[in-house]
Each structure stands twice: as structure tokens, then as C-alpha cells.
Amino acid sequence: MIAIRKIIFFIFSWLLLSVSALAAVNVNTASFDELQTISGIGPATAQRIVDERRKGPFKSLDDLQARVKGIGESRVRKMAAAGLTVGRAAP
């Protein structure tokens, strides 16, 4: 009985972590800390994104790549695969 509970707990925990890892992060509304949950975005990149976003929302991932120093084609693809999206800006 204890083994079954452990297996159920493991499966539930794995599913919960999988879902949270796939959660989308909108580059136009995410906080500095939320941006860093995306693989490939550390503190320096998150700050550059926030600073550039103050000039206006990003229109696409291509726009993000063009406006933020250090984000190239390969890196923007990896960040998109990790859940980074370009949605509507906060009102």
C-alpha cells in the first residue's frame, strides 16, 4: 500500500512539474523574475528585455531579436521552445 502511494505521489509530482515548466511567459507582461524562468534568460538579459520594453511592446519574436542585444536567431528559437511568447502588452 505504501509503495502504491509513493508511485502515485511521484506521478502527480512529475505531472505538476511538467505542466508548470510548459507555462507560457509573455515577454510583454512578464516581470524581471518571470522572464528568468525561461531557459536562456538570466538577470542581464531579463534586464535588457525590461529596459527595451519600456520603449514599446514587442510585436514579434523577430522584433525582440532585433531590439535586444545578445539575442540572436538561435537563442530566440530556444527561448520560444522554452515557453517565451509575444502576447498583448499590459494596458
C-alpha atoms as a PDB file:
ATOM      1  CA  MET A   1       0.000   0.000   0.000  1.00  0.00           C
ATOM      2  CA  ILE A   2       2.816   2.408   0.859  1.00  0.00           C
ATOM      3  CA  ALA A   3       4.551   1.626  -2.446  1.00  0.00           C
ATOM      4  CA  ILE A   4       1.398   2.483  -4.388  1.00  0.00           C
ATOM      5  CA  ARG A   5       1.097   5.803  -2.558  1.00  0.00           C
ATOM      6  CA  LYS A   6       4.706   6.623  -3.374  1.00  0.00           C
ATOM      7  CA  ILE A   7       4.162   5.819  -7.037  1.00  0.00           C
ATOM      8  CA  ILE A   8       1.003   7.926  -7.180  1.00  0.00           C
ATOM      9  CA  PHE A   9       2.779  10.795  -5.418  1.00  0.00           C
ATOM     10  CA  PHE A  10       5.716  10.559  -7.847  1.00  0.00           C
ATOM     11  CA  ILE A  11       3.435  10.585 -10.905  1.00  0.00           C
ATOM     12  CA  PHE A  12       1.395  13.517  -9.564  1.00  0.00           C
ATOM     13  CA  SER A  13       4.551  15.498  -8.759  1.00  0.00           C
ATOM     14  CA  TRP A  14       6.039  14.806 -12.173  1.00  0.00           C
ATOM     15  CA  LEU A  15       2.857  15.915 -13.935  1.00  0.00           C
ATOM     16  CA  LEU A  16       2.663  19.093 -11.869  1.00  0.00           C
ATOM     17  CA  LEU A  17       6.267  19.998 -12.635  1.00  0.00           C
ATOM     18  CA  SER A  18       5.797  19.213 -16.330  1.00  0.00           C
ATOM     19  CA  VAL A  19       2.791  21.500 -16.626  1.00  0.00           C
ATOM     20  CA  SER A  20       4.476  24.386 -14.805  1.00  0.00           C
ATOM     21  CA  ALA A  21       7.595  24.023 -16.959  1.00  0.00           C
ATOM     22  CA  LEU A  22       5.493  24.419 -20.092  1.00  0.00           C
ATOM     23  CA  ALA A  23       3.670  27.530 -18.924  1.00  0.00           C
ATOM     24  CA  ALA A  24       3.929  30.366 -21.400  1.00  0.00           C
ATOM     25  CA  VAL A  25       5.688  33.577 -20.409  1.00  0.00           C
ATOM     26  CA  ASN A  26       4.572  36.697 -22.287  1.00  0.00           C
ATOM     27  CA  VAL A  27       7.602  38.890 -22.959  1.00  0.00           C
ATOM     28  CA  ASN A  28       5.361  41.989 -22.949  1.00  0.00           C
ATOM     29  CA  THR A  29       3.894  41.431 -19.478  1.00  0.00           C
ATOM     30  CA  ALA A  30       6.361  39.226 -17.585  1.00  0.00           C
ATOM     31  CA  SER A  31       8.243  40.615 -14.621  1.00  0.00           C
ATOM     32  CA  PHE A  32      12.017  40.581 -14.347  1.00  0.00           C
ATOM     33  CA  ASP A  33      11.770  37.413 -12.223  1.00  0.00           C
ATOM     34  CA  GLU A  34       9.247  35.711 -14.523  1.00  0.00           C
ATOM     35  CA  LEU A  35      11.493  36.264 -17.533  1.00  0.00           C
ATOM     36  CA  GLN A  36      14.290  34.411 -15.758  1.00  0.00           C
ATOM     37  CA  THR A  37      12.158  31.258 -15.542  1.00  0.00           C
ATOM     38  CA  ILE A  38      12.787  30.817 -19.269  1.00  0.00           C
ATOM     39  CA  SER A  39      15.865  28.789 -20.128  1.00  0.00           C
ATOM     40  CA  GLY A  40      18.419  31.118 -21.714  1.00  0.00           C
ATOM     41  CA  ILE A  41      17.286  34.266 -19.901  1.00  0.00           C
ATOM     42  CA  GLY A  42      19.453  35.275 -16.988  1.00  0.00           C
ATOM     43  CA  PRO A  43      19.454  38.513 -14.983  1.00  0.00           C
ATOM     44  CA  ALA A  44      21.342  40.555 -17.601  1.00  0.00           C
ATOM     45  CA  THR A  45      19.112  39.509 -20.497  1.00  0.00           C
ATOM     46  CA  ALA A  46      15.957  39.942 -18.417  1.00  0.00           C
ATOM     47  CA  GLN A  47      17.034  43.493 -17.578  1.00  0.00           C
ATOM     48  CA  ARG A  48      17.752  44.302 -21.235  1.00  0.00           C
ATOM     49  CA  ILE A  49      14.305  42.984 -22.188  1.00  0.00           C
ATOM     50  CA  VAL A  50      12.587  45.055 -19.486  1.00  0.00           C
ATOM     51  CA  ASP A  51      14.546  48.183 -20.457  1.00  0.00           C
ATOM     52  CA  GLU A  52      13.739  47.786 -24.148  1.00  0.00           C
ATOM     53  CA  ARG A  53      10.093  47.011 -23.422  1.00  0.00           C
ATOM     54  CA  ARG A  54       9.744  50.425 -21.758  1.00  0.00           C
ATOM     55  CA  LYS A  55      10.178  51.943 -25.242  1.00  0.00           C
ATOM     56  CA  GLY A  56       7.196  49.971 -26.511  1.00  0.00           C
ATOM     57  CA  PRO A  57       5.832  46.431 -26.600  1.00  0.00           C
ATOM     58  CA  PHE A  58       7.454  43.764 -28.709  1.00  0.00           C
ATOM     59  CA  LYS A  59       5.474  42.925 -31.838  1.00  0.00           C
ATOM     60  CA  SER A  60       7.028  39.505 -32.504  1.00  0.00           C
ATOM     61  CA  LEU A  61       9.969  37.312 -31.601  1.00  0.00           C
ATOM     62  CA  ASP A  62      11.784  38.837 -34.584  1.00  0.00           C
ATOM     63  CA  ASP A  63      11.203  42.279 -33.063  1.00  0.00           C
ATOM     64  CA  LEU A  64      12.581  41.040 -29.733  1.00  0.00           C
ATOM     65  CA  GLN A  65      15.645  39.670 -31.505  1.00  0.00           C
ATOM     66  CA  ALA A  66      16.222  42.919 -33.383  1.00  0.00           C
ATOM     67  CA  ARG A  67      15.839  45.174 -30.356  1.00  0.00           C
ATOM     68  CA  VAL A  68      17.598  43.279 -27.535  1.00  0.00           C
ATOM     69  CA  LYS A  69      21.374  42.989 -27.693  1.00  0.00           C
ATOM     70  CA  GLY A  70      22.637  39.436 -27.257  1.00  0.00           C
ATOM     71  CA  ILE A  71      19.543  37.670 -28.557  1.00  0.00           C
ATOM     72  CA  GLY A  72      20.235  36.032 -31.887  1.00  0.00           C
ATOM     73  CA  GLU A  73      18.171  33.748 -34.080  1.00  0.00           C
ATOM     74  CA  SER A  74      19.239  30.529 -32.381  1.00  0.00           C
ATOM     75  CA  ARG A  75      18.725  31.900 -28.891  1.00  0.00           C
ATOM     76  CA  VAL A  76      15.278  33.335 -29.623  1.00  0.00           C
ATOM     77  CA  ARG A  77      14.200  29.934 -31.026  1.00  0.00           C
ATOM     78  CA  LYS A  78      15.390  28.183 -27.859  1.00  0.00           C
ATOM     79  CA  MET A  79      13.594  30.712 -25.660  1.00  0.00           C
ATOM     80  CA  ALA A  80      10.387  30.247 -27.671  1.00  0.00           C
ATOM     81  CA  ALA A  81      10.695  26.475 -27.284  1.00  0.00           C
ATOM     82  CA  ALA A  82      11.084  27.025 -23.530  1.00  0.00           C
ATOM     83  CA  GLY A  83       7.793  28.937 -23.392  1.00  0.00           C
ATOM     84  CA  LEU A  84       8.565  32.569 -24.249  1.00  0.00           C
ATOM     85  CA  THR A  85       5.703  34.168 -26.185  1.00  0.00           C
ATOM     86  CA  VAL A  86       4.846  37.593 -27.540  1.00  0.00           C
ATOM     87  CA  GLY A  87       1.335  38.488 -26.491  1.00  0.00           C
ATOM     88  CA  ARG A  88      -0.569  41.674 -25.906  1.00  0.00           C
ATOM     89  CA  ALA A  89       1.046  44.311 -23.753  1.00  0.00           C
ATOM     90  CA  ALA A  90      -0.415  45.133 -20.374  1.00  0.00           C
ATOM     91  CA  PRO A  91      -2.877  48.057 -20.519  1.00  0.00           C
END
